[in-house]
Amino acid sequence: MSNRQIAIDLLEKLPEDMSLTDMAREIEFVAGIREGFDQLERGEGIPIENVRELMSSWIVG
């Protein structure tokens, strides 16, 4: 499925009264997820141990 078709399908599923800003955020979110999957397919993933370290640095308190 092309990127254009993915965007069209997504937009058709969103509520009619959604703002353009919220629509753009939804498209950006889906694009980020797809890019992540593409990176994994290219072997560019981050080992889970590194993810845990990163996440612990994000926690405040």
PDB file of N, CA and C in Angstrom:
ATOM      1  N   MET A   1       0.847  -1.175   0.000  1.00  0.00           N
ATOM      2  CA  MET A   1       0.000   0.000   0.000  1.00  0.00           C
ATOM      3  C   MET A   1       0.898   1.246   0.000  1.00  0.00           C
ATOM      4  N   SER A   2       0.592   2.196  -0.840  1.00  0.00           N
ATOM      5  CA  SER A   2       1.403   3.415  -0.938  1.00  0.00           C
ATOM      6  C   SER A   2       1.159   4.326   0.264  1.00  0.00           C
ATOM      7  N   ASN A   3       2.095   5.225   0.496  1.00  0.00           N
ATOM      8  CA  ASN A   3       1.930   6.197   1.581  1.00  0.00           C
ATOM      9  C   ASN A   3       0.677   7.041   1.378  1.00  0.00           C
ATOM     10  N   ARG A   4       0.420   7.389   0.137  1.00  0.00           N
ATOM     11  CA  ARG A   4      -0.770   8.189  -0.175  1.00  0.00           C
ATOM     12  C   ARG A   4      -2.035   7.431   0.205  1.00  0.00           C
ATOM     13  N   GLN A   5      -2.086   6.148  -0.139  1.00  0.00           N
ATOM     14  CA  GLN A   5      -3.271   5.351   0.170  1.00  0.00           C
ATOM     15  C   GLN A   5      -3.428   5.166   1.681  1.00  0.00           C
ATOM     16  N   ILE A   6      -2.323   5.005   2.388  1.00  0.00           N
ATOM     17  CA  ILE A   6      -2.382   4.896   3.846  1.00  0.00           C
ATOM     18  C   ILE A   6      -2.975   6.166   4.444  1.00  0.00           C
ATOM     19  N   ALA A   7      -2.530   7.336   3.953  1.00  0.00           N
ATOM     20  CA  ALA A   7      -3.052   8.611   4.455  1.00  0.00           C
ATOM     21  C   ALA A   7      -4.534   8.748   4.137  1.00  0.00           C
ATOM     22  N   ILE A   8      -4.938   8.362   2.952  1.00  0.00           N
ATOM     23  CA  ILE A   8      -6.348   8.446   2.568  1.00  0.00           C
ATOM     24  C   ILE A   8      -7.193   7.546   3.467  1.00  0.00           C
ATOM     25  N   ASP A   9      -6.752   6.317   3.670  1.00  0.00           N
ATOM     26  CA  ASP A   9      -7.488   5.389   4.532  1.00  0.00           C
ATOM     27  C   ASP A   9      -7.608   5.937   5.950  1.00  0.00           C
ATOM     28  N   LEU A  10      -6.518   6.493   6.460  1.00  0.00           N
ATOM     29  CA  LEU A  10      -6.540   7.060   7.803  1.00  0.00           C
ATOM     30  C   LEU A  10      -7.531   8.218   7.882  1.00  0.00           C
ATOM     31  N   LEU A  11      -7.456   9.137   6.929  1.00  0.00           N
ATOM     32  CA  LEU A  11      -8.346  10.292   6.939  1.00  0.00           C
ATOM     33  C   LEU A  11      -9.807   9.885   6.844  1.00  0.00           C
ATOM     34  N   GLU A  12     -10.101   8.834   6.103  1.00  0.00           N
ATOM     35  CA  GLU A  12     -11.486   8.374   5.992  1.00  0.00           C
ATOM     36  C   GLU A  12     -12.017   7.822   7.310  1.00  0.00           C
ATOM     37  N   LYS A  13     -11.125   7.372   8.187  1.00  0.00           N
ATOM     38  CA  LYS A  13     -11.535   6.797   9.470  1.00  0.00           C
ATOM     39  C   LYS A  13     -11.646   7.834  10.583  1.00  0.00           C
ATOM     40  N   LEU A  14     -11.117   9.020  10.369  1.00  0.00           N
ATOM     41  CA  LEU A  14     -11.135  10.050  11.404  1.00  0.00           C
ATOM     42  C   LEU A  14     -12.492  10.732  11.463  1.00  0.00           C
ATOM     43  N   PRO A  15     -12.835  11.283  12.642  1.00  0.00           N
ATOM     44  CA  PRO A  15     -14.118  11.988  12.778  1.00  0.00           C
ATOM     45  C   PRO A  15     -14.193  13.200  11.845  1.00  0.00           C
ATOM     46  N   GLU A  16     -15.385  13.493  11.361  1.00  0.00           N
ATOM     47  CA  GLU A  16     -15.610  14.611  10.434  1.00  0.00           C
ATOM     48  C   GLU A  16     -15.214  15.960  11.040  1.00  0.00           C
ATOM     49  N   ASP A  17     -15.400  16.110  12.349  1.00  0.00           N
ATOM     50  CA  ASP A  17     -15.174  17.411  12.978  1.00  0.00           C
ATOM     51  C   ASP A  17     -13.762  17.577  13.552  1.00  0.00           C
ATOM     52  N   MET A  18     -12.853  16.687  13.198  1.00  0.00           N
ATOM     53  CA  MET A  18     -11.485  16.766  13.704  1.00  0.00           C
ATOM     54  C   MET A  18     -10.758  17.949  13.061  1.00  0.00           C
ATOM     55  N   SER A  19      -9.963  18.651  13.871  1.00  0.00           N
ATOM     56  CA  SER A  19      -9.220  19.802  13.351  1.00  0.00           C
ATOM     57  C   SER A  19      -8.084  19.346  12.433  1.00  0.00           C
ATOM     58  N   LEU A  20      -7.639  20.250  11.571  1.00  0.00           N
ATOM     59  CA  LEU A  20      -6.515  19.946  10.680  1.00  0.00           C
ATOM     60  C   LEU A  20      -5.255  19.635  11.481  1.00  0.00           C
ATOM     61  N   THR A  21      -5.077  20.335  12.589  1.00  0.00           N
ATOM     62  CA  THR A  21      -3.908  20.095  13.436  1.00  0.00           C
ATOM     63  C   THR A  21      -3.926  18.672  13.987  1.00  0.00           C
ATOM     64  N   ASP A  22      -5.095  18.227  14.464  1.00  0.00           N
ATOM     65  CA  ASP A  22      -5.200  16.866  14.986  1.00  0.00           C
ATOM     66  C   ASP A  22      -5.034  15.832  13.876  1.00  0.00           C
ATOM     67  N   MET A  23      -5.543  16.135  12.687  1.00  0.00           N
ATOM     68  CA  MET A  23      -5.347  15.223  11.550  1.00  0.00           C
ATOM     69  C   MET A  23      -3.863  15.093  11.226  1.00  0.00           C
ATOM     70  N   ALA A  24      -3.171  16.207  11.222  1.00  0.00           N
ATOM     71  CA  ALA A  24      -1.737  16.193  10.929  1.00  0.00           C
ATOM     72  C   ALA A  24      -0.985  15.374  11.974  1.00  0.00           C
ATOM     73  N   ARG A  25      -1.392  15.497  13.233  1.00  0.00           N
ATOM     74  CA  ARG A  25      -0.753  14.714  14.302  1.00  0.00           C
ATOM     75  C   ARG A  25      -0.975  13.222  14.093  1.00  0.00           C
ATOM     76  N   GLU A  26      -2.175  12.837  13.694  1.00  0.00           N
ATOM     77  CA  GLU A  26      -2.475  11.429  13.431  1.00  0.00           C
ATOM     78  C   GLU A  26      -1.607  10.897  12.291  1.00  0.00           C
ATOM     79  N   ILE A  27      -1.491  11.665  11.228  1.00  0.00           N
ATOM     80  CA  ILE A  27      -0.663  11.246  10.089  1.00  0.00           C
ATOM     81  C   ILE A  27       0.800  11.147  10.517  1.00  0.00           C
ATOM     82  N   GLU A  28       1.264  12.112  11.301  1.00  0.00           N
ATOM     83  CA  GLU A  28       2.649  12.086  11.770  1.00  0.00           C
ATOM     84  C   GLU A  28       2.901  10.868  12.658  1.00  0.00           C
ATOM     85  N   PHE A  29       1.932  10.520  13.500  1.00  0.00           N
ATOM     86  CA  PHE A  29       2.059   9.353  14.366  1.00  0.00           C
ATOM     87  C   PHE A  29       2.199   8.080  13.528  1.00  0.00           C
ATOM     88  N   VAL A  30       1.325   7.904  12.549  1.00  0.00           N
ATOM     89  CA  VAL A  30       1.372   6.722  11.686  1.00  0.00           C
ATOM     90  C   VAL A  30       2.688   6.694  10.910  1.00  0.00           C
ATOM     91  N   ALA A  31       3.133   7.843  10.442  1.00  0.00           N
ATOM     92  CA  ALA A  31       4.405   7.907   9.712  1.00  0.00           C
ATOM     93  C   ALA A  31       5.561   7.476  10.613  1.00  0.00           C
ATOM     94  N   GLY A  32       5.534   7.884  11.862  1.00  0.00           N
ATOM     95  CA  GLY A  32       6.588   7.494  12.800  1.00  0.00           C
ATOM     96  C   GLY A  32       6.611   5.994  13.054  1.00  0.00           C
ATOM     97  N   ILE A  33       5.425   5.422  13.205  1.00  0.00           N
ATOM     98  CA  ILE A  33       5.333   3.977  13.415  1.00  0.00           C
ATOM     99  C   ILE A  33       5.867   3.231  12.193  1.00  0.00           C
ATOM    100  N   ARG A  34       5.464   3.674  11.002  1.00  0.00           N
ATOM    101  CA  ARG A  34       5.935   3.018   9.773  1.00  0.00           C
ATOM    102  C   ARG A  34       7.454   3.143   9.627  1.00  0.00           C
ATOM    103  N   GLU A  35       7.995   4.302   9.954  1.00  0.00           N
ATOM    104  CA  GLU A  35       9.445   4.492   9.885  1.00  0.00           C
ATOM    105  C   GLU A  35      10.149   3.551  10.861  1.00  0.00           C
ATOM    106  N   GLY A  36       9.569   3.378  12.048  1.00  0.00           N
ATOM    107  CA  GLY A  36      10.144   2.452  13.022  1.00  0.00           C
ATOM    108  C   GLY A  36      10.192   1.032  12.484  1.00  0.00           C
ATOM    109  N   PHE A  37       9.101   0.589  11.864  1.00  0.00           N
ATOM    110  CA  PHE A  37       9.078  -0.747  11.271  1.00  0.00           C
ATOM    111  C   PHE A  37      10.102  -0.863  10.140  1.00  0.00           C
ATOM    112  N   ASP A  38      10.226   0.178   9.338  1.00  0.00           N
ATOM    113  CA  ASP A  38      11.219   0.176   8.256  1.00  0.00           C
ATOM    114  C   ASP A  38      12.631   0.061   8.818  1.00  0.00           C
ATOM    115  N   GLN A  39      12.899   0.779   9.917  1.00  0.00           N
ATOM    116  CA  GLN A  39      14.220   0.703  10.542  1.00  0.00           C
ATOM    117  C   GLN A  39      14.500  -0.705  11.061  1.00  0.00           C
ATOM    118  N   LEU A  40      13.502  -1.326  11.669  1.00  0.00           N
ATOM    119  CA  LEU A  40      13.686  -2.693  12.152  1.00  0.00           C
ATOM    120  C   LEU A  40      13.992  -3.648  11.005  1.00  0.00           C
ATOM    121  N   GLU A  41      13.290  -3.483   9.890  1.00  0.00           N
ATOM    122  CA  GLU A  41      13.534  -4.341   8.734  1.00  0.00           C
ATOM    123  C   GLU A  41      14.951  -4.165   8.181  1.00  0.00           C
ATOM    124  N   ARG A  42      15.509  -2.958   8.341  1.00  0.00           N
ATOM    125  CA  ARG A  42      16.873  -2.694   7.880  1.00  0.00           C
ATOM    126  C   ARG A  42      17.914  -3.088   8.934  1.00  0.00           C
ATOM    127  N   GLY A  43      17.442  -3.626  10.056  1.00  0.00           N
ATOM    128  CA  GLY A  43      18.366  -4.030  11.117  1.00  0.00           C
ATOM    129  C   GLY A  43      18.877  -2.875  11.943  1.00  0.00           C
ATOM    130  N   GLU A  44      18.147  -1.787  11.968  1.00  0.00           N
ATOM    131  CA  GLU A  44      18.588  -0.590  12.687  1.00  0.00           C
ATOM    132  C   GLU A  44      17.887  -0.433  14.033  1.00  0.00           C
ATOM    133  N   GLY A  45      17.331  -1.502  14.553  1.00  0.00           N
ATOM    134  CA  GLY A  45      16.610  -1.432  15.816  1.00  0.00           C
ATOM    135  C   GLY A  45      17.546  -1.219  16.996  1.00  0.00           C
ATOM    136  N   ILE A  46      16.973  -0.862  18.122  1.00  0.00           N
ATOM    137  CA  ILE A  46      17.726  -0.661  19.357  1.00  0.00           C
ATOM    138  C   ILE A  46      17.454  -1.859  20.267  1.00  0.00           C
ATOM    139  N   PRO A  47      18.502  -2.489  20.804  1.00  0.00           N
ATOM    140  CA  PRO A  47      18.295  -3.612  21.718  1.00  0.00           C
ATOM    141  C   PRO A  47      17.463  -3.183  22.938  1.00  0.00           C
ATOM    142  N   ILE A  48      16.644  -4.100  23.447  1.00  0.00           N
ATOM    143  CA  ILE A  48      15.739  -3.787  24.540  1.00  0.00           C
ATOM    144  C   ILE A  48      16.482  -3.255  25.764  1.00  0.00           C
ATOM    145  N   GLU A  49      17.682  -3.705  26.004  1.00  0.00           N
ATOM    146  CA  GLU A  49      18.450  -3.211  27.151  1.00  0.00           C
ATOM    147  C   GLU A  49      18.712  -1.716  27.013  1.00  0.00           C
ATOM    148  N   ASN A  50      19.028  -1.287  25.800  1.00  0.00           N
ATOM    149  CA  ASN A  50      19.263   0.144  25.569  1.00  0.00           C
ATOM    150  C   ASN A  50      17.970   0.939  25.730  1.00  0.00           C
ATOM    151  N   VAL A  51      16.860   0.354  25.312  1.00  0.00           N
ATOM    152  CA  VAL A  51      15.568   1.030  25.455  1.00  0.00           C
ATOM    153  C   VAL A  51      15.256   1.219  26.928  1.00  0.00           C
ATOM    154  N   ARG A  52      15.489   0.192  27.727  1.00  0.00           N
ATOM    155  CA  ARG A  52      15.230   0.294  29.173  1.00  0.00           C
ATOM    156  C   ARG A  52      16.073   1.412  29.788  1.00  0.00           C
ATOM    157  N   GLU A  53      17.331   1.509  29.390  1.00  0.00           N
ATOM    158  CA  GLU A  53      18.201   2.568  29.901  1.00  0.00           C
ATOM    159  C   GLU A  53      17.674   3.939  29.501  1.00  0.00           C
ATOM    160  N   LEU A  54      17.262   4.069  28.255  1.00  0.00           N
ATOM    161  CA  LEU A  54      16.726   5.345  27.784  1.00  0.00           C
ATOM    162  C   LEU A  54      15.467   5.711  28.564  1.00  0.00           C
ATOM    163  N   MET A  55      14.571   4.752  28.728  1.00  0.00           N
ATOM    164  CA  MET A  55      13.314   5.024  29.411  1.00  0.00           C
ATOM    165  C   MET A  55      13.538   5.433  30.863  1.00  0.00           C
ATOM    166  N   SER A  56      14.500   4.797  31.542  1.00  0.00           N
ATOM    167  CA  SER A  56      14.736   5.154  32.940  1.00  0.00           C
ATOM    168  C   SER A  56      15.251   6.589  33.053  1.00  0.00           C
ATOM    169  N   SER A  57      15.927   7.080  32.027  1.00  0.00           N
ATOM    170  CA  SER A  57      16.412   8.462  32.075  1.00  0.00           C
ATOM    171  C   SER A  57      15.272   9.461  31.817  1.00  0.00           C
ATOM    172  N   TRP A  58      14.139   8.986  31.254  1.00  0.00           N
ATOM    173  CA  TRP A  58      13.008   9.868  30.989  1.00  0.00           C
ATOM    174  C   TRP A  58      12.127  10.054  32.229  1.00  0.00           C
ATOM    175  N   ILE A  59      12.231   9.132  33.180  1.00  0.00           N
ATOM    176  CA  ILE A  59      11.358   9.177  34.358  1.00  0.00           C
ATOM    177  C   ILE A  59      11.886  10.193  35.343  1.00  0.00           C
ATOM    178  N   VAL A  60      11.007  11.078  35.756  1.00  0.00           N
ATOM    179  CA  VAL A  60      11.365  12.121  36.711  1.00  0.00           C
ATOM    180  C   VAL A  60      10.703  11.798  38.031  1.00  0.00           C
ATOM    181  N   GLY A  61      11.444  11.950  39.099  1.00  0.00           N
ATOM    182  CA  GLY A  61      10.803  11.769  40.400  1.00  0.00           C
ATOM    183  C   GLY A  61      11.493  10.871  41.241  1.00  0.00           C
TER     184      GLY A  61
END
